[in-house]
Amino acid sequence: MTGQQLLQSALDLCALRETDGTIPADSADMTQRAPALINVLLAENAWLDARVSKTALAVHTISALSDTLNVHPLIASGVLPYGLARLLLTGEDDASAARFGELYEAARAETLRSGRAAAGSVTEVYE
């Protein structure tokens, strides 16, 4: 998923895109702010990505909306759109931003549950 696709998903959640997929002129500032907001979300969810992907903790960023998000697909498509919608609406529609914040936290919790460590056998090291 690219930053642009994430932005489009968030705008769709907010019902801010036209039927032809374009972004209205009064929402153009959201496109300009999106890369920085996405980087905040990527940093905020780095630990979750490491847990789900079973990799070392690393914060990946983007410099343009055309860049690919280097996170697990569950996070990219199931968590980040709610977080970006929350950040885009904060200060403009605080009630909707709060609702997206709740959905974001719920999606993070659900993704965390899917990334739990697998049970395995214990190796006896003292005999």
N, C-alpha and C. Protein backbone atom coordinates (compact mmCIF):
# COMPACT_ATOMS: atom_id res chain seq x y z
N MET A 1 0.85 -1.17 0.00
CA MET A 1 0.00 0.00 0.00
C MET A 1 0.90 1.24 0.00
N THR A 2 0.53 2.22 -0.79
CA THR A 2 1.28 3.47 -0.83
C THR A 2 0.65 4.50 0.11
N GLY A 3 1.37 5.57 0.35
CA GLY A 3 0.81 6.65 1.16
C GLY A 3 -0.44 7.23 0.52
N GLN A 4 -0.45 7.32 -0.81
CA GLN A 4 -1.63 7.84 -1.52
C GLN A 4 -2.84 6.93 -1.31
N GLN A 5 -2.64 5.63 -1.38
CA GLN A 5 -3.74 4.70 -1.15
C GLN A 5 -4.26 4.80 0.28
N LEU A 6 -3.35 4.97 1.23
CA LEU A 6 -3.77 5.15 2.62
C LEU A 6 -4.57 6.43 2.78
N LEU A 7 -4.11 7.50 2.17
CA LEU A 7 -4.85 8.77 2.23
C LEU A 7 -6.23 8.61 1.62
N GLN A 8 -6.33 7.94 0.50
CA GLN A 8 -7.63 7.73 -0.13
C GLN A 8 -8.55 6.92 0.76
N SER A 9 -8.02 5.90 1.41
CA SER A 9 -8.84 5.11 2.34
C SER A 9 -9.36 5.97 3.49
N ALA A 10 -8.47 6.80 4.05
CA ALA A 10 -8.88 7.66 5.16
C ALA A 10 -9.92 8.68 4.71
N LEU A 11 -9.73 9.26 3.54
CA LEU A 11 -10.71 10.22 3.03
C LEU A 11 -12.04 9.56 2.72
N ASP A 12 -12.00 8.31 2.26
CA ASP A 12 -13.24 7.57 2.03
C ASP A 12 -13.97 7.32 3.35
N LEU A 13 -13.22 6.98 4.40
CA LEU A 13 -13.84 6.80 5.71
C LEU A 13 -14.53 8.08 6.17
N CYS A 14 -13.91 9.21 5.87
CA CYS A 14 -14.44 10.52 6.26
C CYS A 14 -15.50 11.04 5.28
N ALA A 15 -15.73 10.30 4.21
CA ALA A 15 -16.66 10.71 3.14
C ALA A 15 -16.24 12.05 2.56
N LEU A 16 -14.96 12.21 2.29
CA LEU A 16 -14.44 13.47 1.77
C LEU A 16 -14.00 13.40 0.31
N ARG A 17 -14.14 12.27 -0.34
CA ARG A 17 -13.79 12.20 -1.76
C ARG A 17 -15.05 12.28 -2.59
N GLU A 18 -14.93 12.88 -3.77
CA GLU A 18 -16.04 12.96 -4.71
C GLU A 18 -16.32 11.59 -5.30
N THR A 19 -17.44 11.44 -5.97
CA THR A 19 -17.79 10.14 -6.55
C THR A 19 -16.81 9.71 -7.64
N ASP A 20 -16.14 10.66 -8.28
CA ASP A 20 -15.15 10.30 -9.29
C ASP A 20 -13.77 10.05 -8.69
N GLY A 21 -13.66 10.13 -7.35
CA GLY A 21 -12.41 9.84 -6.66
C GLY A 21 -11.53 11.04 -6.40
N THR A 22 -11.92 12.20 -6.88
CA THR A 22 -11.11 13.39 -6.66
C THR A 22 -11.33 13.95 -5.25
N ILE A 23 -10.35 14.72 -4.82
CA ILE A 23 -10.43 15.35 -3.51
C ILE A 23 -10.93 16.77 -3.70
N PRO A 24 -11.97 17.18 -2.98
CA PRO A 24 -12.48 18.54 -3.15
C PRO A 24 -11.42 19.59 -2.84
N ALA A 25 -11.54 20.75 -3.47
CA ALA A 25 -10.54 21.81 -3.31
C ALA A 25 -10.41 22.26 -1.86
N ASP A 26 -11.51 22.23 -1.10
CA ASP A 26 -11.43 22.66 0.30
C ASP A 26 -10.77 21.63 1.22
N SER A 27 -10.41 20.48 0.67
CA SER A 27 -9.72 19.45 1.44
C SER A 27 -8.28 19.24 0.96
N ALA A 28 -7.82 20.11 0.10
CA ALA A 28 -6.47 19.97 -0.47
C ALA A 28 -5.39 20.04 0.60
N ASP A 29 -5.64 20.77 1.68
CA ASP A 29 -4.63 20.86 2.76
C ASP A 29 -4.37 19.50 3.38
N MET A 30 -5.36 18.61 3.34
CA MET A 30 -5.18 17.28 3.92
C MET A 30 -4.13 16.49 3.15
N THR A 31 -4.11 16.67 1.84
CA THR A 31 -3.11 15.99 1.01
C THR A 31 -1.71 16.49 1.36
N GLN A 32 -1.57 17.78 1.62
CA GLN A 32 -0.27 18.35 1.96
C GLN A 32 0.22 17.86 3.32
N ARG A 33 -0.70 17.71 4.26
CA ARG A 33 -0.32 17.28 5.62
C ARG A 33 -0.13 15.78 5.74
N ALA A 34 -0.66 15.02 4.79
CA ALA A 34 -0.71 13.56 4.91
C ALA A 34 0.64 12.89 5.11
N PRO A 35 1.71 13.21 4.37
CA PRO A 35 2.97 12.49 4.61
C PRO A 35 3.48 12.62 6.04
N ALA A 36 3.42 13.80 6.60
CA ALA A 36 3.88 13.99 7.98
C ALA A 36 3.00 13.22 8.95
N LEU A 37 1.69 13.24 8.74
CA LEU A 37 0.77 12.52 9.63
C LEU A 37 0.97 11.01 9.50
N ILE A 38 1.22 10.54 8.30
CA ILE A 38 1.48 9.11 8.10
C ILE A 38 2.76 8.70 8.83
N ASN A 39 3.78 9.54 8.78
CA ASN A 39 5.03 9.23 9.49
C ASN A 39 4.81 9.16 11.00
N VAL A 40 3.94 10.01 11.52
CA VAL A 40 3.60 9.93 12.95
C VAL A 40 2.96 8.58 13.25
N LEU A 41 2.03 8.17 12.41
CA LEU A 41 1.36 6.88 12.61
C LEU A 41 2.33 5.71 12.47
N LEU A 42 3.25 5.80 11.51
CA LEU A 42 4.22 4.71 11.33
C LEU A 42 5.11 4.58 12.56
N ALA A 43 5.52 5.70 13.13
CA ALA A 43 6.33 5.65 14.34
C ALA A 43 5.52 5.12 15.52
N GLU A 44 4.28 5.55 15.61
CA GLU A 44 3.42 5.14 16.71
C GLU A 44 3.12 3.64 16.67
N ASN A 45 3.14 3.07 15.48
CA ASN A 45 2.79 1.65 15.33
C ASN A 45 3.99 0.76 15.00
N ALA A 46 5.20 1.27 15.15
CA ALA A 46 6.40 0.47 14.85
C ALA A 46 6.47 -0.77 15.73
N TRP A 47 6.15 -0.62 17.02
CA TRP A 47 6.19 -1.78 17.93
C TRP A 47 5.16 -2.83 17.53
N LEU A 48 3.98 -2.36 17.07
CA LEU A 48 2.94 -3.29 16.65
C LEU A 48 3.37 -4.03 15.39
N ASP A 49 3.99 -3.31 14.47
CA ASP A 49 4.47 -3.94 13.24
C ASP A 49 5.54 -4.98 13.57
N ALA A 50 6.46 -4.65 14.47
CA ALA A 50 7.50 -5.60 14.86
C ALA A 50 6.89 -6.85 15.48
N ARG A 51 5.86 -6.66 16.27
CA ARG A 51 5.20 -7.79 16.93
C ARG A 51 4.48 -8.69 15.93
N VAL A 52 3.71 -8.06 15.03
CA VAL A 52 2.93 -8.83 14.06
C VAL A 52 3.84 -9.48 13.02
N SER A 53 4.85 -8.74 12.57
CA SER A 53 5.76 -9.25 11.54
C SER A 53 6.83 -10.17 12.11
N LYS A 54 6.95 -10.17 13.46
CA LYS A 54 7.99 -10.95 14.14
C LYS A 54 9.37 -10.55 13.64
N THR A 55 9.61 -9.22 13.62
CA THR A 55 10.89 -8.66 13.20
C THR A 55 11.38 -7.70 14.28
N ALA A 56 12.59 -7.23 14.10
CA ALA A 56 13.15 -6.25 15.04
C ALA A 56 12.42 -4.91 14.89
N LEU A 57 12.37 -4.18 15.98
CA LEU A 57 11.71 -2.88 15.98
C LEU A 57 12.46 -1.91 15.08
N ALA A 58 11.73 -1.31 14.15
CA ALA A 58 12.31 -0.32 13.23
C ALA A 58 11.21 0.64 12.82
N VAL A 59 11.53 1.91 12.77
CA VAL A 59 10.58 2.92 12.33
C VAL A 59 10.88 3.25 10.88
N HIS A 60 9.91 3.00 10.01
CA HIS A 60 10.04 3.31 8.60
C HIS A 60 9.21 4.56 8.31
N THR A 61 9.71 5.42 7.46
CA THR A 61 9.00 6.65 7.11
C THR A 61 8.84 6.75 5.60
N ILE A 62 8.01 7.69 5.19
CA ILE A 62 7.85 7.99 3.77
C ILE A 62 8.22 9.45 3.56
N SER A 63 8.62 9.78 2.36
CA SER A 63 8.92 11.18 2.05
C SER A 63 7.91 11.76 1.07
N ALA A 64 7.16 10.87 0.40
CA ALA A 64 6.13 11.31 -0.54
C ALA A 64 4.97 10.31 -0.50
N LEU A 65 3.81 10.77 -0.92
CA LEU A 65 2.65 9.88 -0.91
C LEU A 65 2.80 8.71 -1.87
N SER A 66 3.68 8.81 -2.83
CA SER A 66 3.89 7.72 -3.78
C SER A 66 4.74 6.60 -3.18
N ASP A 67 5.36 6.82 -2.03
CA ASP A 67 6.18 5.81 -1.38
C ASP A 67 5.33 4.67 -0.83
N THR A 68 5.90 3.48 -0.83
CA THR A 68 5.23 2.30 -0.28
C THR A 68 5.42 2.26 1.23
N LEU A 69 4.36 1.94 1.94
CA LEU A 69 4.44 1.81 3.39
C LEU A 69 5.09 0.48 3.72
N ASN A 70 6.12 0.52 4.52
CA ASN A 70 6.87 -0.69 4.87
C ASN A 70 6.38 -1.22 6.22
N VAL A 71 5.11 -1.63 6.25
CA VAL A 71 4.50 -2.23 7.44
C VAL A 71 3.68 -3.43 7.02
N HIS A 72 3.35 -4.26 7.98
CA HIS A 72 2.54 -5.44 7.73
C HIS A 72 1.20 -5.02 7.11
N PRO A 73 0.70 -5.78 6.13
CA PRO A 73 -0.57 -5.42 5.48
C PRO A 73 -1.76 -5.27 6.43
N LEU A 74 -1.78 -6.05 7.51
CA LEU A 74 -2.87 -5.89 8.49
C LEU A 74 -2.88 -4.49 9.09
N ILE A 75 -1.71 -3.96 9.32
CA ILE A 75 -1.60 -2.62 9.90
C ILE A 75 -1.90 -1.57 8.85
N ALA A 76 -1.34 -1.75 7.66
CA ALA A 76 -1.54 -0.76 6.60
C ALA A 76 -3.01 -0.60 6.22
N SER A 77 -3.71 -1.70 6.10
CA SER A 77 -5.09 -1.60 5.64
C SER A 77 -6.13 -1.64 6.75
N GLY A 78 -5.77 -2.17 7.91
CA GLY A 78 -6.76 -2.33 8.97
C GLY A 78 -6.64 -1.38 10.14
N VAL A 79 -5.50 -0.71 10.28
CA VAL A 79 -5.27 0.17 11.42
C VAL A 79 -5.04 1.61 10.98
N LEU A 80 -4.09 1.80 10.08
CA LEU A 80 -3.65 3.15 9.72
C LEU A 80 -4.74 4.03 9.11
N PRO A 81 -5.69 3.49 8.31
CA PRO A 81 -6.73 4.39 7.79
C PRO A 81 -7.54 5.09 8.88
N TYR A 82 -7.84 4.38 9.96
CA TYR A 82 -8.59 4.98 11.07
C TYR A 82 -7.75 6.04 11.78
N GLY A 83 -6.46 5.74 11.96
CA GLY A 83 -5.59 6.71 12.61
C GLY A 83 -5.41 7.96 11.77
N LEU A 84 -5.26 7.80 10.46
CA LEU A 84 -5.09 8.95 9.59
C LEU A 84 -6.39 9.76 9.53
N ALA A 85 -7.53 9.08 9.48
CA ALA A 85 -8.81 9.80 9.49
C ALA A 85 -8.94 10.62 10.77
N ARG A 86 -8.53 10.04 11.90
CA ARG A 86 -8.57 10.78 13.17
C ARG A 86 -7.71 12.02 13.11
N LEU A 87 -6.49 11.88 12.63
CA LEU A 87 -5.57 13.01 12.59
C LEU A 87 -6.03 14.09 11.60
N LEU A 88 -6.59 13.67 10.48
CA LEU A 88 -7.06 14.64 9.49
C LEU A 88 -8.24 15.46 9.99
N LEU A 89 -9.10 14.84 10.81
CA LEU A 89 -10.31 15.52 11.27
C LEU A 89 -10.13 16.26 12.59
N THR A 90 -9.04 16.01 13.28
CA THR A 90 -8.81 16.70 14.56
C THR A 90 -8.75 18.21 14.31
N GLY A 91 -9.57 18.94 15.04
CA GLY A 91 -9.63 20.39 14.89
C GLY A 91 -10.64 20.85 13.87
N GLU A 92 -11.14 19.92 13.04
CA GLU A 92 -12.13 20.27 12.03
C GLU A 92 -13.50 19.70 12.39
N ASP A 93 -13.50 18.46 12.83
CA ASP A 93 -14.73 17.78 13.26
C ASP A 93 -14.32 16.87 14.41
N ASP A 94 -14.26 17.45 15.60
CA ASP A 94 -13.72 16.72 16.74
C ASP A 94 -14.55 15.51 17.14
N ALA A 95 -15.85 15.55 16.93
CA ALA A 95 -16.70 14.39 17.26
C ALA A 95 -16.35 13.21 16.37
N SER A 96 -16.20 13.47 15.07
CA SER A 96 -15.83 12.39 14.15
C SER A 96 -14.40 11.93 14.41
N ALA A 97 -13.52 12.87 14.73
CA ALA A 97 -12.13 12.51 15.04
C ALA A 97 -12.09 11.59 16.26
N ALA A 98 -12.91 11.88 17.25
CA ALA A 98 -12.95 11.04 18.45
C ALA A 98 -13.46 9.64 18.11
N ARG A 99 -14.46 9.56 17.26
CA ARG A 99 -15.00 8.25 16.85
C ARG A 99 -13.94 7.45 16.09
N PHE A 100 -13.23 8.11 15.18
CA PHE A 100 -12.17 7.41 14.46
C PHE A 100 -11.03 7.03 15.40
N GLY A 101 -10.81 7.82 16.42
CA GLY A 101 -9.81 7.47 17.43
C GLY A 101 -10.18 6.19 18.15
N GLU A 102 -11.47 6.03 18.47
CA GLU A 102 -11.95 4.80 19.11
C GLU A 102 -11.78 3.61 18.18
N LEU A 103 -12.13 3.79 16.91
CA LEU A 103 -11.98 2.70 15.93
C LEU A 103 -10.51 2.35 15.72
N TYR A 104 -9.66 3.36 15.74
CA TYR A 104 -8.21 3.16 15.59
C TYR A 104 -7.67 2.32 16.75
N GLU A 105 -8.01 2.68 17.97
CA GLU A 105 -7.53 1.93 19.14
C GLU A 105 -8.07 0.50 19.13
N ALA A 106 -9.32 0.33 18.72
CA ALA A 106 -9.91 -1.02 18.64
C ALA A 106 -9.19 -1.86 17.58
N ALA A 107 -8.86 -1.24 16.45
CA ALA A 107 -8.17 -1.96 15.38
C ALA A 107 -6.75 -2.34 15.83
N ARG A 108 -6.09 -1.44 16.56
CA ARG A 108 -4.76 -1.74 17.08
C ARG A 108 -4.82 -2.92 18.05
N ALA A 109 -5.81 -2.91 18.93
CA ALA A 109 -5.95 -4.00 19.91
C ALA A 109 -6.22 -5.33 19.20
N GLU A 110 -7.07 -5.30 18.20
CA GLU A 110 -7.39 -6.52 17.46
C GLU A 110 -6.17 -7.03 16.71
N THR A 111 -5.41 -6.15 16.12
CA THR A 111 -4.20 -6.55 15.40
C THR A 111 -3.16 -7.10 16.37
N LEU A 112 -3.06 -6.50 17.54
CA LEU A 112 -2.14 -7.00 18.55
C LEU A 112 -2.50 -8.42 18.95
N ARG A 113 -3.78 -8.70 19.10
CA ARG A 113 -4.20 -10.06 19.44
C ARG A 113 -3.80 -11.05 18.35
N SER A 114 -3.83 -10.62 17.10
CA SER A 114 -3.46 -11.54 16.01
C SER A 114 -1.96 -11.75 15.95
N GLY A 115 -1.19 -10.86 16.60
CA GLY A 115 0.26 -10.96 16.56
C GLY A 115 0.88 -11.57 17.79
N ARG A 116 0.09 -12.22 18.62
CA ARG A 116 0.62 -12.84 19.83
C ARG A 116 1.62 -13.92 19.48
N ALA A 117 2.54 -14.08 20.34
CA ALA A 117 3.57 -15.10 20.14
C ALA A 117 2.94 -16.49 20.17
N ALA A 118 3.50 -17.37 19.39
CA ALA A 118 3.01 -18.74 19.35
C ALA A 118 3.55 -19.52 20.54
N ALA A 119 2.75 -20.44 21.04
CA ALA A 119 3.19 -21.30 22.15
C ALA A 119 4.14 -22.35 21.60
N GLY A 120 5.15 -22.62 22.35
CA GLY A 120 6.12 -23.63 21.94
C GLY A 120 6.62 -24.40 23.14
N SER A 121 7.45 -25.36 22.89
CA SER A 121 7.97 -26.15 23.98
C SER A 121 9.09 -25.37 24.69
N VAL A 122 9.26 -25.68 25.94
CA VAL A 122 10.30 -25.06 26.76
C VAL A 122 11.50 -25.99 26.79
N THR A 123 12.66 -25.46 26.50
CA THR A 123 13.88 -26.25 26.53
C THR A 123 14.49 -26.16 27.92
N GLU A 124 14.73 -27.28 28.52
CA GLU A 124 15.34 -27.33 29.84
C GLU A 124 16.83 -27.05 29.72
N VAL A 125 17.27 -26.01 30.37
CA VAL A 125 18.68 -25.66 30.28
C VAL A 125 19.47 -26.10 31.50
N TYR A 126 18.82 -26.40 32.61
CA TYR A 126 19.49 -26.88 33.83
C TYR A 126 19.10 -28.32 34.07
N GLU A 127 20.06 -29.14 34.29
CA GLU A 127 19.74 -30.54 34.56
C GLU A 127 20.42 -31.03 35.80
